[in-house]
């Protein structure tokens, strides 16, 4: 009719907070809903993806000590932890090594939480939570190799396709790793090592050759740590990974509480250079036993 203009129904100003998705879809006939929903997600995406200047913040240390049995991992971890806290009562050891943490009780009144088999990831996660709730400042997990051994055995006993069965293992390992990474306290993990081999062809035959030591944990576990220290049977230490700049490129050294102090300074944005030097372990108490791990 003359004088009458027709127009398509207009969508009220889109406010997804007050207008439900169902009402929006019905009112718009679908098309406007999709457009508005797309624009809303673009705005949401814009807020998630923001470019900013780099900023160094205070951090919590994630350190791994790896070495063979008898290299002194437990003893060295305790010295580092005490250097970081200066208070033995703020240190907890989650012990899976048959009471080895108690061998160094003469050092100070640190706390011990003993785990027994099975060493499943959920048990480790609960143990970390208990230590956090108790107000610990440094947690030593001695060792995380037992957790991986458990998962390998668990996987080997699953029925069905071996490759597909990793879907039942990996989430449990990842949950354990995330608990370590997201903790609000410093965490030191020990890992056992074993001789690693590769097969190389010689004179038409495949011959195993030694290629060094390998941590008894999931491949790539070292990527999760800020620092990885390798300790040998003479208790000499070198860094195989170091994001702090405190250890890499320096000569072998022996761990003392000063190493923990240096790490704490770095975590608290107060780095000091040239304090990691080759040293002899300090004598604590009436005796200074040689580290048994």
C-alpha atoms as a PDB file:
ATOM      1  CA  UNK A   1       0.000   0.000   0.000  1.00  0.00           C
ATOM      2  CA  UNK A   2       1.211   3.549  -0.686  1.00  0.00           C
ATOM      3  CA  UNK A   3       2.889   5.213   2.245  1.00  0.00           C
ATOM      4  CA  UNK A   4       3.684   1.934   3.972  1.00  0.00           C
ATOM      5  CA  UNK A   5       7.253   0.708   4.113  1.00  0.00           C
ATOM      6  CA  UNK A   6       8.201  -2.780   4.996  1.00  0.00           C
ATOM      7  CA  UNK A   7      11.334  -3.823   6.753  1.00  0.00           C
ATOM      8  CA  UNK A   8      12.678  -7.026   8.162  1.00  0.00           C
ATOM      9  CA  UNK A   9      12.284  -7.572  11.902  1.00  0.00           C
ATOM     10  CA  UNK A  10      15.018  -5.740  13.781  1.00  0.00           C
ATOM     11  CA  UNK A  11      16.994  -7.364  16.522  1.00  0.00           C
ATOM     12  CA  UNK A  12      17.137  -5.359  19.734  1.00  0.00           C
ATOM     13  CA  UNK A  13      20.597  -4.215  20.782  1.00  0.00           C
ATOM     14  CA  UNK A  14      22.493  -7.427  21.410  1.00  0.00           C
ATOM     15  CA  UNK A  15      23.267  -7.938  25.055  1.00  0.00           C
ATOM     16  CA  UNK A  16      24.177 -11.555  25.590  1.00  0.00           C
ATOM     17  CA  UNK A  17      24.190 -11.097  29.332  1.00  0.00           C
ATOM     18  CA  UNK A  18      20.450 -10.455  29.577  1.00  0.00           C
ATOM     19  CA  UNK A  19      19.178 -12.012  26.338  1.00  0.00           C
ATOM     20  CA  UNK A  20      19.272 -15.791  26.406  1.00  0.00           C
ATOM     21  CA  UNK A  21      20.662 -17.673  23.437  1.00  0.00           C
ATOM     22  CA  UNK A  22      17.315 -19.407  22.852  1.00  0.00           C
ATOM     23  CA  UNK A  23      15.325 -16.124  22.716  1.00  0.00           C
ATOM     24  CA  UNK A  24      17.963 -14.533  20.525  1.00  0.00           C
ATOM     25  CA  UNK A  25      17.870 -17.411  18.069  1.00  0.00           C
ATOM     26  CA  UNK A  26      14.061 -17.419  17.842  1.00  0.00           C
ATOM     27  CA  UNK A  27      13.735 -13.628  17.544  1.00  0.00           C
ATOM     28  CA  UNK A  28      16.309 -13.277  14.787  1.00  0.00           C
ATOM     29  CA  UNK A  29      15.387 -16.276  12.724  1.00  0.00           C
ATOM     30  CA  UNK A  30      18.874 -17.631  13.193  1.00  0.00           C
ATOM     31  CA  UNK A  31      20.966 -15.407  10.915  1.00  0.00           C
ATOM     32  CA  UNK A  32      21.325 -12.431  13.219  1.00  0.00           C
ATOM     33  CA  UNK A  33      21.983 -14.790  16.100  1.00  0.00           C
ATOM     34  CA  UNK A  34      24.901 -16.349  14.275  1.00  0.00           C
ATOM     35  CA  UNK A  35      26.294 -12.932  13.383  1.00  0.00           C
ATOM     36  CA  UNK A  36      25.975 -11.650  16.939  1.00  0.00           C
ATOM     37  CA  UNK A  37      27.395 -14.857  18.390  1.00  0.00           C
ATOM     38  CA  UNK A  38      30.355 -14.626  16.004  1.00  0.00           C
ATOM     39  CA  UNK A  39      30.997 -10.983  16.942  1.00  0.00           C
ATOM     40  CA  UNK A  40      30.727 -11.829  20.638  1.00  0.00           C
ATOM     41  CA  UNK A  41      33.336 -14.563  20.289  1.00  0.00           C
ATOM     42  CA  UNK A  42      35.592 -12.233  18.331  1.00  0.00           C
ATOM     43  CA  UNK A  43      35.421  -9.750  21.207  1.00  0.00           C
ATOM     44  CA  UNK A  44      36.067 -12.539  23.688  1.00  0.00           C
ATOM     45  CA  UNK A  45      39.002 -13.756  21.591  1.00  0.00           C
ATOM     46  CA  UNK A  46      40.346 -10.204  21.468  1.00  0.00           C
ATOM     47  CA  UNK A  47      40.390  -9.991  25.261  1.00  0.00           C
ATOM     48  CA  UNK A  48      42.194 -13.338  25.574  1.00  0.00           C
ATOM     49  CA  UNK A  49      44.898 -12.543  23.014  1.00  0.00           C
ATOM     50  CA  UNK A  50      46.637  -9.437  24.294  1.00  0.00           C
ATOM     51  CA  UNK A  51      50.184  -8.379  23.478  1.00  0.00           C
ATOM     52  CA  UNK A  52      52.137  -7.048  26.460  1.00  0.00           C
ATOM     53  CA  UNK A  53      55.661  -6.176  27.468  1.00  0.00           C
ATOM     54  CA  UNK A  54      57.740  -8.913  29.063  1.00  0.00           C
ATOM     55  CA  UNK A  55      57.931  -8.684  32.841  1.00  0.00           C
ATOM     56  CA  UNK A  56      60.084 -10.701  35.218  1.00  0.00           C
ATOM     57  CA  UNK A  57      58.079 -11.768  38.264  1.00  0.00           C
ATOM     58  CA  UNK A  58      58.936 -13.575  41.460  1.00  0.00           C
ATOM     59  CA  UNK A  59      58.842 -17.308  40.837  1.00  0.00           C
ATOM     60  CA  UNK A  60      58.645 -20.611  42.643  1.00  0.00           C
ATOM     61  CA  UNK A  61      61.485 -22.987  41.869  1.00  0.00           C
ATOM     62  CA  UNK A  62      60.907 -26.279  40.085  1.00  0.00           C
ATOM     63  CA  UNK A  63      64.214 -28.136  40.406  1.00  0.00           C
ATOM     64  CA  UNK A  64      65.170 -31.705  39.550  1.00  0.00           C
ATOM     65  CA  UNK A  65      68.166 -33.602  40.889  1.00  0.00           C
ATOM     66  CA  UNK A  66      68.952 -36.713  38.876  1.00  0.00           C
ATOM     67  CA  UNK A  67      71.602 -39.316  39.519  1.00  0.00           C
ATOM     68  CA  UNK A  68      72.320 -42.950  40.195  1.00  0.00           C
ATOM     69  CA  UNK A  69      71.730 -44.637  43.529  1.00  0.00           C
ATOM     70  CA  UNK A  70      74.359 -43.438  45.998  1.00  0.00           C
ATOM     71  CA  UNK A  71      74.980 -40.103  44.300  1.00  0.00           C
ATOM     72  CA  UNK A  72      73.490 -38.068  47.157  1.00  0.00           C
ATOM     73  CA  UNK A  73      70.189 -36.828  45.793  1.00  0.00           C
ATOM     74  CA  UNK A  74      68.310 -36.828  49.107  1.00  0.00           C
ATOM     75  CA  UNK A  75      71.122 -35.218  51.097  1.00  0.00           C
ATOM     76  CA  UNK A  76      71.764 -32.586  48.428  1.00  0.00           C
ATOM     77  CA  UNK A  77      68.050 -31.774  48.158  1.00  0.00           C
ATOM     78  CA  UNK A  78      67.917 -31.129  51.903  1.00  0.00           C
ATOM     79  CA  UNK A  79      70.913 -28.768  51.735  1.00  0.00           C
ATOM     80  CA  UNK A  80      69.335 -26.814  48.877  1.00  0.00           C
ATOM     81  CA  UNK A  81      65.991 -26.638  50.683  1.00  0.00           C
ATOM     82  CA  UNK A  82      67.592 -25.357  53.890  1.00  0.00           C
ATOM     83  CA  UNK A  83      69.483 -22.720  51.932  1.00  0.00           C
ATOM     84  CA  UNK A  84      66.161 -21.546  50.517  1.00  0.00           C
ATOM     85  CA  UNK A  85      64.270 -21.423  53.824  1.00  0.00           C
ATOM     86  CA  UNK A  86      66.806 -21.234  56.693  1.00  0.00           C
ATOM     87  CA  UNK A  87      64.111 -23.087  58.639  1.00  0.00           C
ATOM     88  CA  UNK A  88      64.081 -26.885  58.758  1.00  0.00           C
ATOM     89  CA  UNK A  89      60.482 -26.911  60.007  1.00  0.00           C
ATOM     90  CA  UNK A  90      59.344 -25.421  56.672  1.00  0.00           C
ATOM     91  CA  UNK A  91      60.782 -28.315  54.668  1.00  0.00           C
ATOM     92  CA  UNK A  92      58.827 -31.489  53.860  1.00  0.00           C
ATOM     93  CA  UNK A  93      60.157 -34.642  52.234  1.00  0.00           C
ATOM     94  CA  UNK A  94      57.691 -36.901  50.433  1.00  0.00           C
ATOM     95  CA  UNK A  95      59.624 -40.142  50.833  1.00  0.00           C
ATOM     96  CA  UNK A  96      59.241 -43.183  48.578  1.00  0.00           C
ATOM     97  CA  UNK A  97      62.790 -44.421  49.223  1.00  0.00           C
ATOM     98  CA  UNK A  98      62.099 -46.720  52.194  1.00  0.00           C
ATOM     99  CA  UNK A  99      62.826 -44.166  54.885  1.00  0.00           C
ATOM    100  CA  UNK A 100      66.026 -42.727  53.396  1.00  0.00           C
ATOM    101  CA  UNK A 101      64.869 -39.199  54.299  1.00  0.00           C
ATOM    102  CA  UNK A 102      65.194 -40.052  57.995  1.00  0.00           C
ATOM    103  CA  UNK A 103      68.885 -40.901  57.584  1.00  0.00           C
ATOM    104  CA  UNK A 104      69.716 -37.198  57.784  1.00  0.00           C
ATOM    105  CA  UNK A 105      67.539 -36.262  60.755  1.00  0.00           C
ATOM    106  CA  UNK A 106      70.656 -34.912  62.494  1.00  0.00           C
ATOM    107  CA  UNK A 107      70.594 -31.983  60.047  1.00  0.00           C
ATOM    108  CA  UNK A 108      67.422 -30.521  61.524  1.00  0.00           C
ATOM    109  CA  UNK A 109      63.764 -31.068  62.359  1.00  0.00           C
ATOM    110  CA  UNK A 110      62.400 -31.245  58.820  1.00  0.00           C
ATOM    111  CA  UNK A 111      59.126 -33.044  58.084  1.00  0.00           C
ATOM    112  CA  UNK A 112      58.720 -36.419  56.405  1.00  0.00           C
ATOM    113  CA  UNK A 113      55.649 -37.850  54.696  1.00  0.00           C
ATOM    114  CA  UNK A 114      56.285 -41.502  53.837  1.00  0.00           C
ATOM    115  CA  UNK A 115      54.461 -43.086  50.913  1.00  0.00           C
ATOM    116  CA  UNK A 116      53.937 -46.788  50.442  1.00  0.00           C
ATOM    117  CA  UNK A 117      53.010 -48.831  47.412  1.00  0.00           C
ATOM    118  CA  UNK A 118      51.260 -48.403  45.095  1.00  0.00           C
ATOM    119  CA  UNK A 119      53.051 -45.217  44.078  1.00  0.00           C
ATOM    120  CA  UNK A 120      50.248 -43.935  41.889  1.00  0.00           C
ATOM    121  CA  UNK A 121      50.022 -40.283  40.746  1.00  0.00           C
ATOM    122  CA  UNK A 122      46.939 -39.633  42.858  1.00  0.00           C
ATOM    123  CA  UNK A 123      48.854 -40.528  46.018  1.00  0.00           C
ATOM    124  CA  UNK A 124      51.613 -38.076  45.108  1.00  0.00           C
ATOM    125  CA  UNK A 125      49.042 -35.375  44.370  1.00  0.00           C
ATOM    126  CA  UNK A 126      47.393 -35.884  47.765  1.00  0.00           C
ATOM    127  CA  UNK A 127      50.790 -35.809  49.501  1.00  0.00           C
ATOM    128  CA  UNK A 128      51.695 -32.482  47.875  1.00  0.00           C
ATOM    129  CA  UNK A 129      48.352 -31.080  49.010  1.00  0.00           C
ATOM    130  CA  UNK A 130      48.973 -32.191  52.593  1.00  0.00           C
ATOM    131  CA  UNK A 131      52.376 -30.480  52.618  1.00  0.00           C
ATOM    132  CA  UNK A 132      50.925 -27.288  51.153  1.00  0.00           C
ATOM    133  CA  UNK A 133      48.144 -27.217  53.745  1.00  0.00           C
ATOM    134  CA  UNK A 134      50.733 -27.640  56.510  1.00  0.00           C
ATOM    135  CA  UNK A 135      52.440 -24.411  55.442  1.00  0.00           C
ATOM    136  CA  UNK A 136      55.596 -25.922  53.981  1.00  0.00           C
ATOM    137  CA  UNK A 137      57.825 -23.594  51.941  1.00  0.00           C
ATOM    138  CA  UNK A 138      59.878 -26.270  50.158  1.00  0.00           C
ATOM    139  CA  UNK A 139      58.639 -29.739  49.226  1.00  0.00           C
ATOM    140  CA  UNK A 140      61.136 -32.425  48.255  1.00  0.00           C
ATOM    141  CA  UNK A 141      59.628 -35.337  46.309  1.00  0.00           C
ATOM    142  CA  UNK A 142      62.065 -38.213  46.693  1.00  0.00           C
ATOM    143  CA  UNK A 143      61.609 -39.656  44.151  1.00  0.00           C
ATOM    144  CA  UNK A 144      59.260 -39.211  41.212  1.00  0.00           C
ATOM    145  CA  UNK A 145      60.753 -42.220  39.416  1.00  0.00           C
ATOM    146  CA  UNK A 146      58.505 -44.544  41.439  1.00  0.00           C
ATOM    147  CA  UNK A 147      55.424 -42.843  40.007  1.00  0.00           C
ATOM    148  CA  UNK A 148      56.541 -43.522  36.441  1.00  0.00           C
ATOM    149  CA  UNK A 149      57.415 -47.137  37.311  1.00  0.00           C
ATOM    150  CA  UNK A 150      53.871 -47.571  38.623  1.00  0.00           C
ATOM    151  CA  UNK A 151      52.349 -46.128  35.451  1.00  0.00           C
ATOM    152  CA  UNK A 152      54.486 -48.355  33.223  1.00  0.00           C
ATOM    153  CA  UNK A 153      53.331 -51.420  35.158  1.00  0.00           C
ATOM    154  CA  UNK A 154      49.735 -50.199  35.035  1.00  0.00           C
ATOM    155  CA  UNK A 155      49.953 -49.786  31.259  1.00  0.00           C
ATOM    156  CA  UNK A 156      51.579 -53.193  30.773  1.00  0.00           C
ATOM    157  CA  UNK A 157      48.702 -54.905  32.569  1.00  0.00           C
ATOM    158  CA  UNK A 158      45.929 -53.240  30.578  1.00  0.00           C
ATOM    159  CA  UNK A 159      43.991 -55.357  28.110  1.00  0.00           C
ATOM    160  CA  UNK A 160      43.555 -54.375  24.492  1.00  0.00           C
ATOM    161  CA  UNK A 161      45.532 -52.148  22.145  1.00  0.00           C
ATOM    162  CA  UNK A 162      48.774 -51.017  23.758  1.00  0.00           C
ATOM    163  CA  UNK A 163      48.893 -47.698  21.894  1.00  0.00           C
ATOM    164  CA  UNK A 164      45.280 -46.848  22.672  1.00  0.00           C
ATOM    165  CA  UNK A 165      45.797 -47.732  26.322  1.00  0.00           C
ATOM    166  CA  UNK A 166      48.155 -44.764  26.774  1.00  0.00           C
ATOM    167  CA  UNK A 167      44.981 -42.658  26.843  1.00  0.00           C
ATOM    168  CA  UNK A 168      44.360 -44.197  30.268  1.00  0.00           C
ATOM    169  CA  UNK A 169      47.870 -43.400  31.469  1.00  0.00           C
ATOM    170  CA  UNK A 170      48.826 -39.989  30.097  1.00  0.00           C
ATOM    171  CA  UNK A 171      46.053 -37.983  31.829  1.00  0.00           C
ATOM    172  CA  UNK A 172      47.137 -39.354  35.215  1.00  0.00           C
ATOM    173  CA  UNK A 173      50.771 -38.449  34.583  1.00  0.00           C
ATOM    174  CA  UNK A 174      49.755 -35.005  33.315  1.00  0.00           C
ATOM    175  CA  UNK A 175      47.667 -34.368  36.430  1.00  0.00           C
ATOM    176  CA  UNK A 176      50.694 -35.154  38.597  1.00  0.00           C
ATOM    177  CA  UNK A 177      52.939 -32.855  36.561  1.00  0.00           C
ATOM    178  CA  UNK A 178      50.387 -30.036  36.693  1.00  0.00           C
ATOM    179  CA  UNK A 179      50.140 -30.373  40.473  1.00  0.00           C
ATOM    180  CA  UNK A 180      53.896 -29.808  40.676  1.00  0.00           C
ATOM    181  CA  UNK A 181      53.874 -26.880  38.263  1.00  0.00           C
ATOM    182  CA  UNK A 182      50.880 -25.114  39.822  1.00  0.00           C
ATOM    183  CA  UNK A 183      51.990 -25.440  43.438  1.00  0.00           C
ATOM    184  CA  UNK A 184      52.467 -22.199  45.354  1.00  0.00           C
ATOM    185  CA  UNK A 185      55.648 -23.495  47.037  1.00  0.00           C
ATOM    186  CA  UNK A 186      59.143 -24.426  45.863  1.00  0.00           C
ATOM    187  CA  UNK A 187      59.414 -28.051  44.755  1.00  0.00           C
ATOM    188  CA  UNK A 188      62.532 -30.184  44.390  1.00  0.00           C
ATOM    189  CA  UNK A 189      62.160 -33.563  42.676  1.00  0.00           C
ATOM    190  CA  UNK A 190      64.709 -36.360  42.600  1.00  0.00           C
ATOM    191  CA  UNK A 191      64.923 -38.814  39.720  1.00  0.00           C
ATOM    192  CA  UNK A 192      66.877 -42.020  39.474  1.00  0.00           C
ATOM    193  CA  UNK A 193      68.989 -42.548  36.383  1.00  0.00           C
ATOM    194  CA  UNK A 194      70.006 -45.609  34.421  1.00  0.00           C
ATOM    195  CA  UNK A 195      72.426 -46.276  31.597  1.00  0.00           C
ATOM    196  CA  UNK A 196      70.857 -45.440  28.242  1.00  0.00           C
ATOM    197  CA  UNK A 197      71.724 -47.260  25.023  1.00  0.00           C
ATOM    198  CA  UNK A 198      71.136 -46.811  21.308  1.00  0.00           C
ATOM    199  CA  UNK A 199      71.513 -49.349  18.514  1.00  0.00           C
ATOM    200  CA  UNK A 200      74.110 -48.480  15.890  1.00  0.00           C
ATOM    201  CA  UNK A 201      75.052 -50.496  12.856  1.00  0.00           C
ATOM    202  CA  UNK A 202      78.604 -51.858  12.786  1.00  0.00           C
ATOM    203  CA  UNK A 203      79.832 -54.293  10.150  1.00  0.00           C
ATOM    204  CA  UNK A 204      76.272 -55.048   9.164  1.00  0.00           C
ATOM    205  CA  UNK A 205      75.166 -55.761  12.716  1.00  0.00           C
ATOM    206  CA  UNK A 206      73.142 -53.684  15.165  1.00  0.00           C
ATOM    207  CA  UNK A 207      75.284 -53.113  18.221  1.00  0.00           C
ATOM    208  CA  UNK A 208      74.116 -51.377  21.449  1.00  0.00           C
ATOM    209  CA  UNK A 209      76.232 -48.404  22.497  1.00  0.00           C
ATOM    210  CA  UNK A 210      76.163 -46.402  25.709  1.00  0.00           C
ATOM    211  CA  UNK A 211      74.987 -42.804  25.305  1.00  0.00           C
ATOM    212  CA  UNK A 212      74.997 -41.624  28.909  1.00  0.00           C
ATOM    213  CA  UNK A 213      72.484 -41.654  31.721  1.00  0.00           C
ATOM    214  CA  UNK A 214      68.739 -41.299  31.335  1.00  0.00           C
ATOM    215  CA  UNK A 215      66.272 -40.271  34.027  1.00  0.00           C
ATOM    216  CA  UNK A 216      63.712 -42.894  34.985  1.00  0.00           C
ATOM    217  CA  UNK A 217      60.688 -40.786  34.145  1.00  0.00           C
ATOM    218  CA  UNK A 218      58.599 -39.977  31.104  1.00  0.00           C
ATOM    219  CA  UNK A 219      60.623 -38.755  28.130  1.00  0.00           C
ATOM    220  CA  UNK A 220      60.760 -34.977  28.129  1.00  0.00           C
ATOM    221  CA  UNK A 221      60.090 -34.628  31.848  1.00  0.00           C
ATOM    222  CA  UNK A 222      63.124 -32.335  32.123  1.00  0.00           C
ATOM    223  CA  UNK A 223      61.231 -29.732  30.069  1.00  0.00           C
ATOM    224  CA  UNK A 224      58.924 -29.172  33.040  1.00  0.00           C
ATOM    225  CA  UNK A 225      61.691 -27.969  35.365  1.00  0.00           C
ATOM    226  CA  UNK A 226      63.435 -24.636  35.683  1.00  0.00           C
ATOM    227  CA  UNK A 227      66.718 -26.296  36.643  1.00  0.00           C
ATOM    228  CA  UNK A 228      67.936 -29.873  36.205  1.00  0.00           C
ATOM    229  CA  UNK A 229      71.112 -30.806  38.067  1.00  0.00           C
ATOM    230  CA  UNK A 230      73.037 -33.998  37.310  1.00  0.00           C
ATOM    231  CA  UNK A 231      74.891 -35.455  40.274  1.00  0.00           C
ATOM    232  CA  UNK A 232      77.516 -38.205  40.019  1.00  0.00           C
ATOM    233  CA  UNK A 233      78.774 -40.806  42.497  1.00  0.00           C
ATOM    234  CA  UNK A 234      81.468 -38.392  43.715  1.00  0.00           C
ATOM    235  CA  UNK A 235      78.675 -35.904  44.524  1.00  0.00           C
ATOM    236  CA  UNK A 236      79.872 -33.497  41.832  1.00  0.00           C
ATOM    237  CA  UNK A 237      77.103 -31.545  40.147  1.00  0.00           C
ATOM    238  CA  UNK A 238      76.614 -30.026  36.718  1.00  0.00           C
ATOM    239  CA  UNK A 239      73.521 -28.492  35.174  1.00  0.00           C
ATOM    240  CA  UNK A 240      71.962 -30.160  32.139  1.00  0.00           C
ATOM    241  CA  UNK A 241      69.259 -27.487  32.077  1.00  0.00           C
ATOM    242  CA  UNK A 242      69.347 -24.043  33.635  1.00  0.00           C
ATOM    243  CA  UNK A 243      66.941 -21.165  33.009  1.00  0.00           C
ATOM    244  CA  UNK A 244      68.364 -19.104  35.870  1.00  0.00           C
ATOM    245  CA  UNK A 245      71.873 -18.539  34.522  1.00  0.00           C
ATOM    246  CA  UNK A 246      73.321 -19.562  37.896  1.00  0.00           C
ATOM    247  CA  UNK A 247      74.811 -22.905  36.893  1.00  0.00           C
ATOM    248  CA  UNK A 248      75.192 -23.337  33.148  1.00  0.00           C
ATOM    249  CA  UNK A 249      78.740 -23.000  31.858  1.00  0.00           C
ATOM    250  CA  UNK A 250      80.266 -23.200  35.338  1.00  0.00           C
ATOM    251  CA  UNK A 251      82.661 -25.892  36.569  1.00  0.00           C
ATOM    252  CA  UNK A 252      81.496 -28.857  38.591  1.00  0.00           C
ATOM    253  CA  UNK A 253      80.529 -28.004  42.136  1.00  0.00           C
ATOM    254  CA  UNK A 254      79.358 -29.693  45.319  1.00  0.00           C
ATOM    255  CA  UNK A 255      75.993 -28.715  46.727  1.00  0.00           C
ATOM    256  CA  UNK A 256      75.879 -26.682  49.954  1.00  0.00           C
ATOM    257  CA  UNK A 257      73.143 -24.455  51.420  1.00  0.00           C
ATOM    258  CA  UNK A 258      74.657 -21.548  49.452  1.00  0.00           C
ATOM    259  CA  UNK A 259      73.240 -23.124  46.311  1.00  0.00           C
ATOM    260  CA  UNK A 260      69.760 -22.850  47.815  1.00  0.00           C
ATOM    261  CA  UNK A 261      70.426 -19.230  48.798  1.00  0.00           C
ATOM    262  CA  UNK A 262      71.423 -18.411  45.223  1.00  0.00           C
ATOM    263  CA  UNK A 263      68.281 -20.061  43.885  1.00  0.00           C
ATOM    264  CA  UNK A 264      66.085 -18.148  46.348  1.00  0.00           C
ATOM    265  CA  UNK A 265      67.724 -14.853  45.359  1.00  0.00           C
ATOM    266  CA  UNK A 266      66.948 -15.592  41.729  1.00  0.00           C
ATOM    267  CA  UNK A 267      63.346 -16.508  42.518  1.00  0.00           C
ATOM    268  CA  UNK A 268      62.919 -13.259  44.482  1.00  0.00           C
ATOM    269  CA  UNK A 269      64.384 -11.087  41.699  1.00  0.00           C
ATOM    270  CA  UNK A 270      67.614 -10.536  43.626  1.00  0.00           C
ATOM    271  CA  UNK A 271      70.209 -12.522  41.648  1.00  0.00           C
ATOM    272  CA  UNK A 272      73.787 -12.667  42.851  1.00  0.00           C
ATOM    273  CA  UNK A 273      76.607 -13.794  40.616  1.00  0.00           C
ATOM    274  CA  UNK A 274      79.735 -15.781  41.354  1.00  0.00           C
ATOM    275  CA  UNK A 275      78.401 -17.497  44.462  1.00  0.00           C
ATOM    276  CA  UNK A 276      78.131 -20.979  42.956  1.00  0.00           C
ATOM    277  CA  UNK A 277      81.685 -22.242  43.381  1.00  0.00           C
ATOM    278  CA  UNK A 278      83.244 -25.684  43.890  1.00  0.00           C
ATOM    279  CA  UNK A 279      82.999 -26.380  47.600  1.00  0.00           C
ATOM    280  CA  UNK A 280      83.201 -29.173  50.152  1.00  0.00           C
ATOM    281  CA  UNK A 281      79.886 -30.105  51.836  1.00  0.00           C
ATOM    282  CA  UNK A 282      79.437 -28.495  55.232  1.00  0.00           C
ATOM    283  CA  UNK A 283      79.523 -30.574  58.403  1.00  0.00           C
ATOM    284  CA  UNK A 284      76.184 -30.620  60.255  1.00  0.00           C
ATOM    285  CA  UNK A 285      75.787 -31.962  63.771  1.00  0.00           C
ATOM    286  CA  UNK A 286      78.175 -34.440  65.318  1.00  0.00           C
ATOM    287  CA  UNK A 287      78.659 -36.386  62.117  1.00  0.00           C
ATOM    288  CA  UNK A 288      78.467 -35.774  58.407  1.00  0.00           C
ATOM    289  CA  UNK A 289      77.520 -39.030  56.733  1.00  0.00           C
ATOM    290  CA  UNK A 290      78.307 -39.525  53.110  1.00  0.00           C
ATOM    291  CA  UNK A 291      75.083 -39.135  51.147  1.00  0.00           C
ATOM    292  CA  UNK A 292      73.601 -42.555  50.529  1.00  0.00           C
ATOM    293  CA  UNK A 293      71.539 -41.422  47.538  1.00  0.00           C
END
